[in-house]
Amino acid sequence: MKKLKRSARLVEMTQYLLSRPHTVIPLTTFAERYGAAKSSISEDLAIIKEVFEEGGSGELHTLAGAAGGVKWIPKVSRELALAFAERLSTQLAQPDRILPGEYLYMSDLLGQPALMNEAGKIFATAFGNMNIDVVMTVETKGIPLAYATGAQLNLPVVLVRRDHQATEGSAVSINYVSGSHKSLHTMSLSRRAMREHSRVLIVDDFMKAGGTVQGMIDLLAEFNATVAGVGVLVESGSVDSEERLLTDYISLAKLTAVDAKSRHISVKPGNYFDL
């Protein structure tokens, strides 16, 4: 790359860091890339670090050692996360979203990359220090959220299937019981999808009683894997505590009431903001 003016170098370095979260980048990489001395690169990184932290968008960690390096850690301040949850709650409370069974139509929101990226960054903030190896979800609506979270953590995504696909090769399949309807379902995961003893972050778009998430937890036991955390975009508040199958999870929004007759929906920020 040709030598850049400092202002241009700062912009290019910032973009380089943002596209490589949770990745150690040696100072020599920048020095060679821009034809600059390490001392100049260190000064540039100090400026970028200050801007990142003042803006609440994340942290730039400096790593000591012979080579030296930096690591960009995306983070969302509580204030910005709460503002996101309130915007999401407002969108979810639109009356025309009501579906039979007190579910909400959410596909349009799940299809918005900017919205999912914000949610993924919040999950990356919540779970970023838990030494996670992979992000897991079940097909299909949780996929955008899982990939957004995986991108912010720089981690691969593992997709659990409802039905085994021949293209997945040998797979582990289990039966699980829906927490809300008490009906029997099947899910499967390719044996090649994940190494044994992995630490896994489970994410999903909606949780009622938690049967699907519990099914994924049971499936992970077949891989001797550890559940490092569970994050859901929206949880239902209409389930009694006795019926809920798990309690250790984070939600960004909580559906507290749905009245199909009056077309009223009540949504508030999730339990992440109770912590």
C-alpha atoms as a PDB file:
ATOM      1  CA  MET A   1       0.000   0.000   0.000  1.00  0.00           C
ATOM      2  CA  LYS A   2       1.275   3.460  -0.856  1.00  0.00           C
ATOM      3  CA  LYS A   3       2.207   5.767   1.982  1.00  0.00           C
ATOM      4  CA  LEU A   4      -0.811   7.686   3.289  1.00  0.00           C
ATOM      5  CA  LYS A   5      -1.212  10.992   5.029  1.00  0.00           C
ATOM      6  CA  ARG A   6      -1.842  10.577   8.726  1.00  0.00           C
ATOM      7  CA  SER A   7      -5.521  11.532   8.467  1.00  0.00           C
ATOM      8  CA  ALA A   8      -6.090   8.925   5.758  1.00  0.00           C
ATOM      9  CA  ARG A   9      -4.066   6.365   7.704  1.00  0.00           C
ATOM     10  CA  LEU A  10      -6.238   6.881  10.788  1.00  0.00           C
ATOM     11  CA  VAL A  11      -9.389   6.255   8.757  1.00  0.00           C
ATOM     12  CA  GLU A  12      -7.945   3.155   7.102  1.00  0.00           C
ATOM     13  CA  MET A  13      -6.621   1.752  10.398  1.00  0.00           C
ATOM     14  CA  THR A  14     -10.000   2.271  12.038  1.00  0.00           C
ATOM     15  CA  GLN A  15     -11.740   0.378   9.249  1.00  0.00           C
ATOM     16  CA  TYR A  16      -9.146  -2.399   9.460  1.00  0.00           C
ATOM     17  CA  LEU A  17      -9.765  -2.819  13.189  1.00  0.00           C
ATOM     18  CA  LEU A  18     -13.570  -2.679  12.919  1.00  0.00           C
ATOM     19  CA  SER A  19     -13.562  -5.499  10.378  1.00  0.00           C
ATOM     20  CA  ARG A  20     -11.452  -7.746  12.651  1.00  0.00           C
ATOM     21  CA  PRO A  21     -13.034  -7.802  16.137  1.00  0.00           C
ATOM     22  CA  HIS A  22     -11.476  -9.964  18.853  1.00  0.00           C
ATOM     23  CA  THR A  23      -8.364 -10.456  16.710  1.00  0.00           C
ATOM     24  CA  VAL A  24      -4.830  -9.665  17.847  1.00  0.00           C
ATOM     25  CA  ILE A  25      -3.126  -7.472  15.244  1.00  0.00           C
ATOM     26  CA  PRO A  26       0.650  -6.999  15.691  1.00  0.00           C
ATOM     27  CA  LEU A  27       1.968  -3.465  15.410  1.00  0.00           C
ATOM     28  CA  THR A  28       4.298  -4.727  12.693  1.00  0.00           C
ATOM     29  CA  THR A  29       1.241  -5.429  10.526  1.00  0.00           C
ATOM     30  CA  PHE A  30       0.306  -1.754  10.553  1.00  0.00           C
ATOM     31  CA  ALA A  31       3.917  -0.586  10.289  1.00  0.00           C
ATOM     32  CA  GLU A  32       4.514  -2.671   7.171  1.00  0.00           C
ATOM     33  CA  ARG A  33       1.097  -1.924   5.705  1.00  0.00           C
ATOM     34  CA  TYR A  34       1.534   1.843   5.891  1.00  0.00           C
ATOM     35  CA  GLY A  35       5.312   2.141   5.739  1.00  0.00           C
ATOM     36  CA  ALA A  36       5.390   3.919   9.095  1.00  0.00           C
ATOM     37  CA  ALA A  37       7.453   3.589  12.255  1.00  0.00           C
ATOM     38  CA  LYS A  38       5.977   1.644  15.168  1.00  0.00           C
ATOM     39  CA  SER A  39       6.137   4.791  17.284  1.00  0.00           C
ATOM     40  CA  SER A  40       3.886   6.591  14.780  1.00  0.00           C
ATOM     41  CA  ILE A  41       1.508   3.631  14.676  1.00  0.00           C
ATOM     42  CA  SER A  42       1.325   3.627  18.485  1.00  0.00           C
ATOM     43  CA  GLU A  43       0.390   7.316  18.469  1.00  0.00           C
ATOM     44  CA  ASP A  44      -2.318   6.650  15.871  1.00  0.00           C
ATOM     45  CA  LEU A  45      -3.730   3.784  17.923  1.00  0.00           C
ATOM     46  CA  ALA A  46      -3.856   5.985  21.023  1.00  0.00           C
ATOM     47  CA  ILE A  47      -6.044   8.452  19.108  1.00  0.00           C
ATOM     48  CA  ILE A  48      -8.319   5.676  17.811  1.00  0.00           C
ATOM     49  CA  LYS A  49      -8.564   4.150  21.297  1.00  0.00           C
ATOM     50  CA  GLU A  50      -9.657   7.477  22.790  1.00  0.00           C
ATOM     51  CA  VAL A  51     -12.336   8.012  20.136  1.00  0.00           C
ATOM     52  CA  PHE A  52     -13.681   4.460  20.495  1.00  0.00           C
ATOM     53  CA  GLU A  53     -13.944   4.644  24.266  1.00  0.00           C
ATOM     54  CA  GLU A  54     -15.401   8.157  24.400  1.00  0.00           C
ATOM     55  CA  GLY A  55     -18.044   7.154  21.861  1.00  0.00           C
ATOM     56  CA  GLY A  56     -18.971   4.018  23.807  1.00  0.00           C
ATOM     57  CA  SER A  57     -18.497   1.777  20.771  1.00  0.00           C
ATOM     58  CA  GLY A  58     -15.865  -0.498  22.258  1.00  0.00           C
ATOM     59  CA  GLU A  59     -12.381  -0.884  23.630  1.00  0.00           C
ATOM     60  CA  LEU A  60      -8.977  -1.140  22.000  1.00  0.00           C
ATOM     61  CA  HIS A  61      -6.768  -3.379  24.113  1.00  0.00           C
ATOM     62  CA  THR A  62      -3.002  -3.014  23.860  1.00  0.00           C
ATOM     63  CA  LEU A  63      -1.048  -6.236  24.298  1.00  0.00           C
ATOM     64  CA  ALA A  64       2.520  -6.139  25.553  1.00  0.00           C
ATOM     65  CA  GLY A  65       5.256  -8.403  24.289  1.00  0.00           C
ATOM     66  CA  ALA A  66       8.084  -8.651  21.805  1.00  0.00           C
ATOM     67  CA  ALA A  67       5.865  -8.076  18.796  1.00  0.00           C
ATOM     68  CA  GLY A  68       3.174  -6.079  20.567  1.00  0.00           C
ATOM     69  CA  GLY A  69      -0.324  -5.742  19.233  1.00  0.00           C
ATOM     70  CA  VAL A  70      -3.854  -4.491  19.654  1.00  0.00           C
ATOM     71  CA  LYS A  71      -7.280  -6.109  19.826  1.00  0.00           C
ATOM     72  CA  TRP A  72     -10.580  -4.395  19.028  1.00  0.00           C
ATOM     73  CA  ILE A  73     -13.387  -5.414  21.422  1.00  0.00           C
ATOM     74  CA  PRO A  74     -16.844  -4.218  20.273  1.00  0.00           C
ATOM     75  CA  LYS A  75     -18.997  -3.065  23.179  1.00  0.00           C
ATOM     76  CA  VAL A  76     -22.256  -1.236  23.680  1.00  0.00           C
ATOM     77  CA  SER A  77     -22.789   1.005  26.684  1.00  0.00           C
ATOM     78  CA  ARG A  78     -25.794   0.285  28.878  1.00  0.00           C
ATOM     79  CA  GLU A  79     -27.330   3.591  27.809  1.00  0.00           C
ATOM     80  CA  LEU A  80     -27.094   2.784  24.094  1.00  0.00           C
ATOM     81  CA  ALA A  81     -28.246  -0.806  24.653  1.00  0.00           C
ATOM     82  CA  LEU A  82     -31.315   0.403  26.549  1.00  0.00           C
ATOM     83  CA  ALA A  83     -32.109   2.884  23.773  1.00  0.00           C
ATOM     84  CA  PHE A  84     -31.948  -0.003  21.284  1.00  0.00           C
ATOM     85  CA  ALA A  85     -34.243  -2.160  23.446  1.00  0.00           C
ATOM     86  CA  GLU A  86     -36.771   0.657  23.729  1.00  0.00           C
ATOM     87  CA  ARG A  87     -36.782   1.190  19.950  1.00  0.00           C
ATOM     88  CA  LEU A  88     -37.189  -2.539  19.420  1.00  0.00           C
ATOM     89  CA  SER A  89     -40.036  -2.666  21.956  1.00  0.00           C
ATOM     90  CA  THR A  90     -41.841   0.154  20.163  1.00  0.00           C
ATOM     91  CA  GLN A  91     -41.572  -1.650  16.838  1.00  0.00           C
ATOM     92  CA  LEU A  92     -42.748  -4.934  18.350  1.00  0.00           C
ATOM     93  CA  ALA A  93     -45.781  -3.262  19.939  1.00  0.00           C
ATOM     94  CA  GLN A  94     -47.394  -2.479  16.576  1.00  0.00           C
ATOM     95  CA  PRO A  95     -50.908  -4.060  16.682  1.00  0.00           C
ATOM     96  CA  ASP A  96     -50.691  -5.642  13.234  1.00  0.00           C
ATOM     97  CA  ARG A  97     -47.914  -7.963  14.468  1.00  0.00           C
ATOM     98  CA  ILE A  98     -50.290 -10.159  16.494  1.00  0.00           C
ATOM     99  CA  LEU A  99     -50.373 -13.793  15.345  1.00  0.00           C
ATOM    100  CA  PRO A 100     -52.454 -16.725  16.664  1.00  0.00           C
ATOM    101  CA  GLY A 101     -51.138 -18.174  19.915  1.00  0.00           C
ATOM    102  CA  GLU A 102     -49.947 -14.776  21.179  1.00  0.00           C
ATOM    103  CA  TYR A 103     -46.902 -14.824  18.931  1.00  0.00           C
ATOM    104  CA  LEU A 104     -45.612 -11.783  17.092  1.00  0.00           C
ATOM    105  CA  TYR A 105     -44.684 -11.342  13.455  1.00  0.00           C
ATOM    106  CA  MET A 106     -40.958 -10.545  13.583  1.00  0.00           C
ATOM    107  CA  SER A 107     -39.563 -11.636  10.215  1.00  0.00           C
ATOM    108  CA  ASP A 108     -39.319  -8.080   8.894  1.00  0.00           C
ATOM    109  CA  LEU A 109     -37.213  -7.027  11.888  1.00  0.00           C
ATOM    110  CA  LEU A 110     -35.022 -10.125  11.719  1.00  0.00           C
ATOM    111  CA  GLY A 111     -34.346  -9.283   8.089  1.00  0.00           C
ATOM    112  CA  GLN A 112     -32.882  -5.861   8.877  1.00  0.00           C
ATOM    113  CA  PRO A 113     -29.060  -6.185   8.951  1.00  0.00           C
ATOM    114  CA  ALA A 114     -28.532  -2.943  10.880  1.00  0.00           C
ATOM    115  CA  LEU A 115     -30.980  -4.007  13.596  1.00  0.00           C
ATOM    116  CA  MET A 116     -29.465  -7.481  13.912  1.00  0.00           C
ATOM    117  CA  ASN A 117     -25.950  -6.024  14.007  1.00  0.00           C
ATOM    118  CA  GLU A 118     -26.946  -3.838  16.950  1.00  0.00           C
ATOM    119  CA  ALA A 119     -28.439  -6.816  18.782  1.00  0.00           C
ATOM    120  CA  GLY A 120     -25.388  -8.928  17.956  1.00  0.00           C
ATOM    121  CA  LYS A 121     -23.105  -6.253  19.365  1.00  0.00           C
ATOM    122  CA  ILE A 122     -25.075  -6.201  22.624  1.00  0.00           C
ATOM    123  CA  PHE A 123     -24.731  -9.976  22.919  1.00  0.00           C
ATOM    124  CA  ALA A 124     -21.017  -9.632  22.129  1.00  0.00           C
ATOM    125  CA  THR A 125     -20.795  -7.128  24.992  1.00  0.00           C
ATOM    126  CA  ALA A 126     -22.602  -9.466  27.386  1.00  0.00           C
ATOM    127  CA  PHE A 127     -20.731 -12.654  26.485  1.00  0.00           C
ATOM    128  CA  GLY A 128     -17.443 -11.391  25.052  1.00  0.00           C
ATOM    129  CA  ASN A 129     -15.285 -12.429  28.019  1.00  0.00           C
ATOM    130  CA  MET A 130     -16.583 -16.003  28.325  1.00  0.00           C
ATOM    131  CA  ASN A 131     -14.045 -17.730  26.056  1.00  0.00           C
ATOM    132  CA  ILE A 132     -16.698 -18.862  23.579  1.00  0.00           C
ATOM    133  CA  ASP A 133     -15.749 -21.118  20.660  1.00  0.00           C
ATOM    134  CA  VAL A 134     -18.935 -21.086  18.561  1.00  0.00           C
ATOM    135  CA  VAL A 135     -22.340 -19.420  18.303  1.00  0.00           C
ATOM    136  CA  MET A 136     -25.304 -21.776  17.896  1.00  0.00           C
ATOM    137  CA  THR A 137     -28.902 -21.334  16.787  1.00  0.00           C
ATOM    138  CA  VAL A 138     -31.683 -23.456  15.330  1.00  0.00           C
ATOM    139  CA  GLU A 139     -33.055 -22.883  11.850  1.00  0.00           C
ATOM    140  CA  THR A 140     -34.455 -20.644  10.567  1.00  0.00           C
ATOM    141  CA  LYS A 141     -35.466 -17.297  12.076  1.00  0.00           C
ATOM    142  CA  GLY A 142     -32.573 -17.139  14.520  1.00  0.00           C
ATOM    143  CA  ILE A 143     -29.985 -17.324  11.738  1.00  0.00           C
ATOM    144  CA  PRO A 144     -29.572 -13.555  11.071  1.00  0.00           C
ATOM    145  CA  LEU A 145     -29.110 -12.870  14.788  1.00  0.00           C
ATOM    146  CA  ALA A 146     -26.611 -15.717  15.159  1.00  0.00           C
ATOM    147  CA  TYR A 147     -24.474 -14.507  12.259  1.00  0.00           C
ATOM    148  CA  ALA A 148     -24.582 -10.919  13.516  1.00  0.00           C
ATOM    149  CA  THR A 149     -23.419 -12.100  16.941  1.00  0.00           C
ATOM    150  CA  GLY A 150     -20.771 -14.359  15.435  1.00  0.00           C
ATOM    151  CA  ALA A 151     -19.439 -11.479  13.334  1.00  0.00           C
ATOM    152  CA  GLN A 152     -19.065  -9.239  16.397  1.00  0.00           C
ATOM    153  CA  LEU A 153     -17.270 -12.003  18.314  1.00  0.00           C
ATOM    154  CA  ASN A 154     -15.300 -13.210  15.270  1.00  0.00           C
ATOM    155  CA  LEU A 155     -16.631 -16.732  15.834  1.00  0.00           C
ATOM    156  CA  PRO A 156     -18.109 -19.445  13.590  1.00  0.00           C
ATOM    157  CA  VAL A 157     -21.844 -20.158  13.623  1.00  0.00           C
ATOM    158  CA  VAL A 158     -23.288 -23.646  14.083  1.00  0.00           C
ATOM    159  CA  LEU A 159     -26.768 -24.283  12.698  1.00  0.00           C
ATOM    160  CA  VAL A 160     -29.034 -26.899  14.276  1.00  0.00           C
ATOM    161  CA  ARG A 161     -31.473 -28.475  11.808  1.00  0.00           C
ATOM    162  CA  ARG A 162     -35.099 -29.360  12.449  1.00  0.00           C
ATOM    163  CA  ASP A 163     -34.658 -32.323  10.112  1.00  0.00           C
ATOM    164  CA  HIS A 164     -31.479 -34.125   9.165  1.00  0.00           C
ATOM    165  CA  GLN A 165     -30.107 -33.211   5.734  1.00  0.00           C
ATOM    166  CA  ALA A 166     -28.108 -35.721   3.671  1.00  0.00           C
ATOM    167  CA  THR A 167     -25.648 -32.960   2.791  1.00  0.00           C
ATOM    168  CA  GLU A 168     -24.741 -32.639   6.481  1.00  0.00           C
ATOM    169  CA  GLY A 169     -23.226 -36.123   6.639  1.00  0.00           C
ATOM    170  CA  SER A 170     -23.345 -38.111   9.859  1.00  0.00           C
ATOM    171  CA  ALA A 171     -25.369 -36.277  12.501  1.00  0.00           C
ATOM    172  CA  VAL A 172     -26.587 -36.502  16.074  1.00  0.00           C
ATOM    173  CA  SER A 173     -30.377 -36.263  16.406  1.00  0.00           C
ATOM    174  CA  ILE A 174     -32.479 -35.906  19.535  1.00  0.00           C
ATOM    175  CA  ASN A 175     -36.138 -35.497  20.415  1.00  0.00           C
ATOM    176  CA  TYR A 176     -37.203 -32.601  22.592  1.00  0.00           C
ATOM    177  CA  VAL A 177     -40.474 -31.392  24.064  1.00  0.00           C
ATOM    178  CA  SER A 178     -41.804 -27.929  23.291  1.00  0.00           C
ATOM    179  CA  GLY A 179     -42.051 -26.054  26.563  1.00  0.00           C
ATOM    180  CA  SER A 180     -45.231 -24.200  25.614  1.00  0.00           C
ATOM    181  CA  HIS A 181     -47.216 -26.812  23.653  1.00  0.00           C
ATOM    182  CA  LYS A 182     -45.733 -29.994  25.185  1.00  0.00           C
ATOM    183  CA  SER A 183     -45.392 -31.483  21.695  1.00  0.00           C
ATOM    184  CA  LEU A 184     -42.517 -33.693  20.543  1.00  0.00           C
ATOM    185  CA  HIS A 185     -40.023 -32.375  17.978  1.00  0.00           C
ATOM    186  CA  THR A 186     -36.677 -33.416  16.508  1.00  0.00           C
ATOM    187  CA  MET A 187     -33.438 -31.509  15.996  1.00  0.00           C
ATOM    188  CA  SER A 188     -30.075 -32.617  14.639  1.00  0.00           C
ATOM    189  CA  LEU A 189     -26.507 -31.391  14.309  1.00  0.00           C
ATOM    190  CA  SER A 190     -23.792 -32.647  11.987  1.00  0.00           C
ATOM    191  CA  ARG A 191     -20.932 -34.386  13.780  1.00  0.00           C
ATOM    192  CA  ARG A 192     -18.542 -32.233  11.737  1.00  0.00           C
ATOM    193  CA  ALA A 193     -20.165 -28.954  12.746  1.00  0.00           C
ATOM    194  CA  MET A 194     -18.401 -28.605  16.068  1.00  0.00           C
ATOM    195  CA  ARG A 195     -15.496 -30.047  18.004  1.00  0.00           C
ATOM    196  CA  GLU A 196     -16.160 -31.842  21.259  1.00  0.00           C
ATOM    197  CA  HIS A 197     -15.719 -29.859  24.480  1.00  0.00           C
ATOM    198  CA  SER A 198     -16.491 -26.554  22.740  1.00  0.00           C
ATOM    199  CA  ARG A 199     -17.850 -23.616  24.700  1.00  0.00           C
ATOM    200  CA  VAL A 200     -21.069 -22.539  23.019  1.00  0.00           C
ATOM    201  CA  LEU A 201     -23.196 -19.399  22.997  1.00  0.00           C
ATOM    202  CA  ILE A 202     -26.826 -20.183  22.095  1.00  0.00           C
ATOM    203  CA  VAL A 203     -28.866 -17.381  20.517  1.00  0.00           C
ATOM    204  CA  ASP A 204     -32.459 -17.370  19.292  1.00  0.00           C
ATOM    205  CA  ASP A 205     -35.002 -14.843  18.100  1.00  0.00           C
ATOM    206  CA  PHE A 206     -37.904 -15.747  20.414  1.00  0.00           C
ATOM    207  CA  MET A 207     -38.342 -17.823  23.551  1.00  0.00           C
ATOM    208  CA  LYS A 208     -41.633 -18.771  25.139  1.00  0.00           C
ATOM    209  CA  ALA A 209     -41.112 -21.537  27.705  1.00  0.00           C
ATOM    210  CA  GLY A 210     -37.611 -22.404  26.520  1.00  0.00           C
ATOM    211  CA  GLY A 211     -38.208 -25.860  25.044  1.00  0.00           C
ATOM    212  CA  THR A 212     -36.188 -25.206  21.888  1.00  0.00           C
ATOM    213  CA  VAL A 213     -33.250 -23.762  23.803  1.00  0.00           C
ATOM    214  CA  GLN A 214     -33.362 -26.665  26.252  1.00  0.00           C
ATOM    215  CA  GLY A 215     -33.331 -29.018  23.267  1.00  0.00           C
ATOM    216  CA  MET A 216     -30.136 -27.362  22.004  1.00  0.00           C
ATOM    217  CA  ILE A 217     -28.612 -27.679  25.470  1.00  0.00           C
ATOM    218  CA  ASP A 218     -29.441 -31.399  25.506  1.00  0.00           C
ATOM    219  CA  LEU A 219     -27.992 -31.769  22.006  1.00  0.00           C
ATOM    220  CA  LEU A 220     -24.750 -30.119  23.112  1.00  0.00           C
ATOM    221  CA  ALA A 221     -24.390 -32.732  25.840  1.00  0.00           C
ATOM    222  CA  GLU A 222     -23.915 -35.300  23.054  1.00  0.00           C
ATOM    223  CA  PHE A 223     -20.810 -33.334  21.998  1.00  0.00           C
ATOM    224  CA  ASN A 224     -19.536 -32.965  25.582  1.00  0.00           C
ATOM    225  CA  ALA A 225     -19.865 -29.233  24.990  1.00  0.00           C
ATOM    226  CA  THR A 226     -20.412 -26.497  27.565  1.00  0.00           C
ATOM    227  CA  VAL A 227     -23.140 -23.868  27.341  1.00  0.00           C
ATOM    228  CA  ALA A 228     -21.332 -20.586  27.968  1.00  0.00           C
ATOM    229  CA  GLY A 229     -24.476 -18.482  27.685  1.00  0.00           C
ATOM    230  CA  VAL A 230     -27.942 -18.073  26.186  1.00  0.00           C
ATOM    231  CA  GLY A 231     -29.181 -14.896  24.518  1.00  0.00           C
ATOM    232  CA  VAL A 232     -32.654 -14.330  23.074  1.00  0.00           C
ATOM    233  CA  LEU A 233     -33.891 -11.274  21.246  1.00  0.00           C
ATOM    234  CA  VAL A 234     -37.435 -11.457  22.658  1.00  0.00           C
ATOM    235  CA  GLU A 235     -38.859 -13.530  25.492  1.00  0.00           C
ATOM    236  CA  SER A 236     -42.497 -14.116  26.324  1.00  0.00           C
ATOM    237  CA  GLY A 237     -43.663 -12.971  29.731  1.00  0.00           C
ATOM    238  CA  SER A 238     -46.895 -14.961  29.524  1.00  0.00           C
ATOM    239  CA  VAL A 239     -45.265 -18.168  30.789  1.00  0.00           C
ATOM    240  CA  ASP A 240     -45.447 -19.038  34.482  1.00  0.00           C
ATOM    241  CA  SER A 241     -42.107 -19.475  36.195  1.00  0.00           C
ATOM    242  CA  GLU A 242     -43.008 -23.115  36.903  1.00  0.00           C
ATOM    243  CA  GLU A 243     -43.419 -23.787  33.176  1.00  0.00           C
ATOM    244  CA  ARG A 244     -40.228 -22.066  32.050  1.00  0.00           C
ATOM    245  CA  LEU A 245     -37.549 -24.651  31.372  1.00  0.00           C
ATOM    246  CA  LEU A 246     -34.536 -22.420  31.996  1.00  0.00           C
ATOM    247  CA  THR A 247     -33.734 -19.331  33.999  1.00  0.00           C
ATOM    248  CA  ASP A 248     -30.127 -18.572  33.054  1.00  0.00           C
ATOM    249  CA  TYR A 249     -30.432 -16.455  29.909  1.00  0.00           C
ATOM    250  CA  ILE A 250     -30.361 -12.874  28.653  1.00  0.00           C
ATOM    251  CA  SER A 251     -33.205 -11.230  26.733  1.00  0.00           C
ATOM    252  CA  LEU A 252     -33.223  -7.828  25.042  1.00  0.00           C
ATOM    253  CA  ALA A 253     -37.009  -7.390  24.971  1.00  0.00           C
ATOM    254  CA  LYS A 254     -39.891  -8.946  26.892  1.00  0.00           C
ATOM    255  CA  LEU A 255     -43.391  -9.453  25.542  1.00  0.00           C
ATOM    256  CA  THR A 256     -45.522  -8.834  28.633  1.00  0.00           C
ATOM    257  CA  ALA A 257     -49.063  -8.803  27.229  1.00  0.00           C
ATOM    258  CA  VAL A 258     -50.924  -9.597  24.018  1.00  0.00           C
ATOM    259  CA  ASP A 259     -54.662  -9.020  23.698  1.00  0.00           C
ATOM    260  CA  ALA A 260     -55.825 -10.202  20.291  1.00  0.00           C
ATOM    261  CA  LYS A 261     -59.324  -8.847  20.872  1.00  0.00           C
ATOM    262  CA  SER A 262     -58.271  -5.280  21.634  1.00  0.00           C
ATOM    263  CA  ARG A 263     -55.186  -5.542  19.403  1.00  0.00           C
ATOM    264  CA  HIS A 264     -52.992  -4.406  22.272  1.00  0.00           C
ATOM    265  CA  ILE A 265     -49.363  -5.448  22.689  1.00  0.00           C
ATOM    266  CA  SER A 266     -47.135  -4.561  25.613  1.00  0.00           C
ATOM    267  CA  VAL A 267     -43.362  -4.919  25.266  1.00  0.00           C
ATOM    268  CA  LYS A 268     -40.599  -3.692  27.539  1.00  0.00           C
ATOM    269  CA  PRO A 269     -36.790  -4.036  27.663  1.00  0.00           C
ATOM    270  CA  GLY A 270     -35.670  -7.551  28.588  1.00  0.00           C
ATOM    271  CA  ASN A 271     -33.928  -8.969  31.630  1.00  0.00           C
ATOM    272  CA  TYR A 272     -30.481  -7.872  30.395  1.00  0.00           C
ATOM    273  CA  PHE A 273     -31.329  -4.497  31.887  1.00  0.00           C
ATOM    274  CA  ASP A 274     -32.269  -6.009  35.255  1.00  0.00           C
ATOM    275  CA  LEU A 275     -28.697  -7.166  35.844  1.00  0.00           C
END
